[in-house]
Protein backbone atom coordinates (compact mmCIF):
# COMPACT_ATOMS: atom_id res chain seq x y z
CA SER A 1 -0.61 0.25 -0.01
CA GLU A 2 0.95 4.11 -0.80
CA SER A 3 1.64 4.12 3.18
CA ASP A 4 3.91 0.50 3.92
CA ASP A 5 5.50 2.84 0.98
CA ALA A 6 5.99 6.03 2.72
CA SER A 7 6.12 4.35 6.28
CA SER A 8 9.57 2.01 4.27
CA GLU A 9 10.90 4.95 2.64
CA ALA A 10 11.10 7.98 6.46
CA SER A 11 12.28 4.41 7.47
CA LEU A 12 15.29 5.15 5.01
CA LEU A 13 15.96 8.48 6.52
CA GLY A 14 17.03 6.74 10.21
CA GLN A 15 19.59 8.09 12.01
CA PRO A 16 22.37 6.39 11.70
CA ALA A 17 23.62 3.30 14.40
CA ALA A 18 26.39 3.67 17.07
CA GLY A 19 29.67 2.99 15.27
CA PHE A 20 27.62 3.63 11.18
CA ARG A 21 28.11 -0.76 11.52
CA LYS A 22 24.29 -0.19 9.14
CA PRO A 23 23.93 1.98 6.34
CA PHE A 24 21.56 5.26 6.71
CA VAL A 25 20.62 7.86 3.54
CA LEU A 26 23.01 10.86 3.74
CA MET A 27 21.27 13.01 1.08
CA ASP A 28 17.73 12.67 -0.04
CA ALA A 29 17.13 14.61 -3.63
CA GLY A 30 13.66 13.12 -4.20
CA ASP A 31 14.79 10.69 -7.74
CA ARG A 32 18.30 10.09 -6.19
CA CYS A 33 19.68 10.05 -3.16
CA VAL A 34 23.50 9.19 -1.62
CA LEU A 35 24.04 6.25 1.27
CA PHE A 36 26.67 6.23 3.87
CA LYS A 37 28.27 2.76 3.24
CA PRO A 38 30.46 1.23 6.18
CA ALA A 39 32.92 -1.10 6.38
CA GLY A 40 32.25 -4.43 5.75
CA TRP A 41 28.84 -3.73 3.28
CA GLN A 42 29.28 -4.51 -0.26
CA VAL A 43 28.19 -2.93 -3.31
CA ASP A 44 26.65 -5.28 -4.70
CA THR A 45 26.75 -3.64 -8.58
CA GLU A 46 27.41 -7.60 -10.28
CA GLY A 47 24.03 -7.38 -12.67
CA ASP A 48 24.76 -10.16 -14.45
CA GLU A 49 25.43 -13.28 -12.11
CA ASP A 50 22.72 -15.66 -12.37
CA SER A 51 21.16 -14.70 -8.37
CA SER A 52 22.19 -10.94 -7.05
CA ILE A 53 24.37 -12.74 -4.98
CA ALA A 54 27.47 -14.68 -5.44
CA GLU A 55 28.46 -17.01 -2.61
CA SER A 56 31.17 -16.51 -2.09
CA HIS A 57 30.34 -12.82 -0.87
CA ALA A 58 27.34 -14.44 1.07
CA ALA A 59 28.10 -13.35 3.80
CA ARG A 60 28.56 -9.91 4.02
CA GLU A 61 25.80 -7.70 3.72
CA MET A 62 25.16 -6.37 0.20
CA LEU A 63 23.70 -2.62 0.60
CA SER A 64 21.69 -3.50 -2.93
CA GLN A 65 19.25 -5.27 0.28
CA TYR A 66 19.07 -2.09 2.94
CA LEU A 67 17.90 -0.26 0.06
CA GLN A 68 15.14 -3.26 -1.29
CA GLY A 69 14.73 -3.32 2.14
CA ALA A 70 13.78 -0.21 2.66
CA LEU A 71 11.80 0.72 -0.92
CA SER A 72 9.38 -0.87 -2.60
CA GLU A 73 10.01 -2.11 -6.17
CA ARG A 74 7.04 -1.10 -7.16
CA LYS A 75 8.63 3.02 -6.12
CA CYS A 76 11.55 2.22 -7.01
CA PRO A 77 11.83 -1.08 -9.19
CA ILE A 78 15.41 0.15 -10.07
CA VAL A 79 16.57 -0.33 -6.90
CA HIS A 80 15.30 -4.14 -7.74
CA ASP A 81 16.99 -4.28 -11.23
CA PRO A 82 20.57 -5.97 -11.74
CA ARG A 83 20.88 -4.85 -14.71
CA CYS A 84 21.65 -1.46 -13.59
CA HIS A 85 23.03 -1.43 -10.75
CA TYR A 86 21.11 -1.91 -7.92
CA GLY A 87 20.81 2.13 -8.64
CA PHE A 88 24.66 2.23 -8.03
CA LEU A 89 25.95 4.40 -10.06
CA HIS A 90 30.13 3.57 -8.23
CA ARG A 91 30.71 0.85 -5.79
CA LEU A 92 34.07 1.07 -2.80
CA ASP A 93 35.29 -1.36 -1.87
CA VAL A 94 34.37 -3.58 0.30
CA PRO A 95 37.26 -3.14 3.60
CA SER A 96 36.35 1.36 2.99
CA SER A 97 33.34 2.61 4.32
CA GLY A 98 32.22 6.52 2.56
CA LEU A 99 29.89 7.69 -0.01
CA ILE A 100 27.41 6.33 -2.49
CA LEU A 101 25.08 8.20 -5.29
CA THR A 102 22.20 5.91 -5.80
CA ALA A 103 19.77 6.73 -7.85
CA LYS A 104 16.21 6.08 -7.05
CA SER A 105 14.71 5.43 -10.61
CA TYR A 106 15.37 5.02 -14.27
CA GLN A 107 15.93 8.55 -15.67
CA ALA A 108 18.29 9.88 -12.44
CA TYR A 109 20.10 6.87 -13.45
CA TYR A 110 21.20 7.53 -17.12
CA ASP A 111 20.98 11.14 -15.41
CA LEU A 112 23.57 10.67 -12.60
CA TRP A 113 25.87 8.17 -15.31
CA GLY A 114 25.88 10.63 -18.06
CA GLN A 115 27.11 13.20 -15.77
CA LEU A 116 29.83 10.59 -15.08
CA ASN A 117 31.00 9.33 -18.53
CA SER A 118 31.26 12.65 -19.40
CA GLY A 119 33.19 14.29 -16.14
CA GLU A 120 31.07 16.45 -15.14
CA LEU A 121 30.55 14.75 -11.89
CA SER A 122 33.56 13.75 -10.47
CA ARG A 123 34.34 11.70 -7.61
CA ASP A 124 37.02 12.84 -4.49
CA TYR A 125 39.03 10.09 -2.53
CA VAL A 126 40.07 10.90 0.95
CA VAL A 127 42.51 8.36 3.04
CA LEU A 128 42.62 8.37 6.68
CA LEU A 129 46.10 7.54 8.06
CA HIS A 130 46.54 6.24 11.20
CA GLY A 131 50.00 6.73 13.13
CA TRP A 132 52.67 8.81 13.18
CA LEU A 133 53.98 11.23 10.44
CA THR A 134 57.31 14.09 10.84
CA PRO A 135 55.55 17.52 10.31
CA ALA A 136 57.95 18.22 6.99
CA ARG A 137 55.78 15.22 4.77
CA CYS A 138 53.25 16.65 2.81
CA SER A 139 52.40 13.40 0.84
CA VAL A 140 52.35 10.13 0.89
CA ASP A 141 53.21 7.91 -2.01
CA ALA A 142 52.65 4.37 -1.13
CA ALA A 143 50.98 0.96 -1.75
CA VAL A 144 47.16 0.35 0.45
CA HIS A 145 47.52 -1.88 2.13
CA VAL A 146 44.57 -4.38 3.54
CA ASP A 147 45.73 -6.35 6.80
CA LYS A 148 43.11 -9.81 6.45
CA GLN A 149 43.21 -10.30 9.81
């Protein structure tokens, strides 16, 4: 029902969980939104798989499932459509946290996709470092290493 859709969408805009262990909507602009993806969650953009979740990823929490639980297929069919990457315009590695630009309609998806491909929309990444650097160092040129323990 329409009231169920409204209450589900309202829950999408809920407050972030302590320690940012759950995704939340940082900005909602009607047909598009910006989600916060906590570390450990996967942006599952693999739309060409027979099943929406590959067996090797079954233990991970999927960002598409978060969106699908909050937005009905009737109201936002794109977030249920693997052919359009569930509305996600980009991804972040599982160990990373950050913002994910998400379309909630097909029109928004193709509009944002065009902006990304034409260079009108750009991405910036910030890396936080744990440890000490000398004040004289102004840049770090090193490969990123993930400790898998």
